[in-house]
Amino acid sequence: MAGKKDNAVIAVLSGLTSNQASQISRDIMRSKEKHAPLGRGTIASGKHSGVGALLQKGTKRIGGK
C-alpha cells in the first residue's frame, strides 16, 4: 500500500429522518469495513442541535486495530 495513512473523512448531514440517519450510518459502516478494514472511526446520529457533542462523545466506534 503506497502513501501515508494520515487522512480522515468527516461528514455532517442534516435534515434527515431517524430512518434515513440509521440507514446512512449502516451504509458508512459497511463501506468502511470494505475499503479500510483496519481504519478506526466513530459514527453517531442524533438531533442536529447536538452535533458537536455527538462528535466529541464518539458513541459508536467502528472497527480497526
Protein backbone atom coordinates (compact mmCIF):
# COMPACT_ATOMS: atom_id res chain seq x y z
CA MET A 1 0.00 0.00 0.00
CA ALA A 2 1.52 3.28 -1.10
CA GLY A 3 1.17 6.56 0.77
CA LYS A 4 0.86 7.69 4.36
CA LYS A 5 -2.26 6.90 6.30
CA ASP A 6 -2.82 10.43 7.55
CA ASN A 7 -6.19 11.30 6.01
CA ALA A 8 -9.65 11.47 7.56
CA VAL A 9 -13.22 11.96 6.36
CA ILE A 10 -15.81 13.95 8.27
CA ALA A 11 -19.39 14.44 7.10
CA VAL A 12 -22.32 16.11 8.82
CA LEU A 13 -25.70 15.53 7.18
CA SER A 14 -28.84 17.27 8.42
CA GLY A 15 -32.50 17.31 7.52
CA LEU A 16 -32.82 13.53 7.81
CA THR A 17 -35.48 11.35 9.35
CA SER A 18 -34.48 8.85 12.01
CA ASN A 19 -34.74 6.01 9.48
CA GLN A 20 -32.62 7.85 6.92
CA ALA A 21 -29.96 8.59 9.53
CA SER A 22 -29.74 4.96 10.61
CA GLN A 23 -29.60 3.69 7.00
CA ILE A 24 -26.81 6.13 6.10
CA SER A 25 -24.90 5.16 9.26
CA ARG A 26 -25.21 1.50 8.32
CA ASP A 27 -24.01 2.19 4.77
CA ILE A 28 -20.99 4.12 6.07
CA MET A 29 -20.03 1.25 8.40
CA ARG A 30 -20.30 -1.27 5.56
CA SER A 31 -18.21 0.88 3.24
CA LYS A 32 -15.56 1.44 5.91
CA GLU A 33 -15.24 -2.29 6.51
CA LYS A 34 -14.94 -2.94 2.77
CA HIS A 35 -12.42 -0.22 1.90
CA ALA A 36 -10.48 0.30 5.14
CA PRO A 37 -10.92 -2.70 7.45
CA LEU A 38 -8.02 -1.63 9.67
CA GLY A 39 -9.07 2.01 9.84
CA ARG A 40 -10.53 3.40 13.04
CA GLY A 41 -13.62 5.54 13.24
CA THR A 42 -16.55 6.93 15.15
CA ILE A 43 -20.11 7.30 13.93
CA ALA A 44 -23.05 8.92 15.71
CA SER A 45 -26.52 10.14 14.87
CA GLY A 46 -28.94 12.32 16.77
CA LYS A 47 -30.56 15.73 16.81
CA HIS A 48 -28.75 18.39 14.78
CA SER A 49 -28.58 20.69 17.81
CA GLY A 50 -26.17 18.25 19.47
CA VAL A 51 -23.81 17.55 16.55
CA GLY A 52 -20.72 18.84 18.34
CA ALA A 53 -21.40 16.75 21.42
CA LEU A 54 -22.07 13.66 19.29
CA LEU A 55 -18.73 14.01 17.51
CA GLN A 56 -16.80 14.54 20.75
CA LYS A 57 -18.57 11.74 22.57
CA GLY A 58 -17.76 9.07 19.99
CA THR A 59 -20.76 6.94 20.88
CA LYS A 60 -20.39 4.19 18.26
CA ARG A 61 -16.89 3.10 17.39
CA ILE A 62 -16.35 1.25 14.16
CA GLY A 63 -13.64 -1.36 13.73
CA GLY A 64 -9.93 -1.09 13.26
CA LYS A 65 -6.85 -2.06 15.18
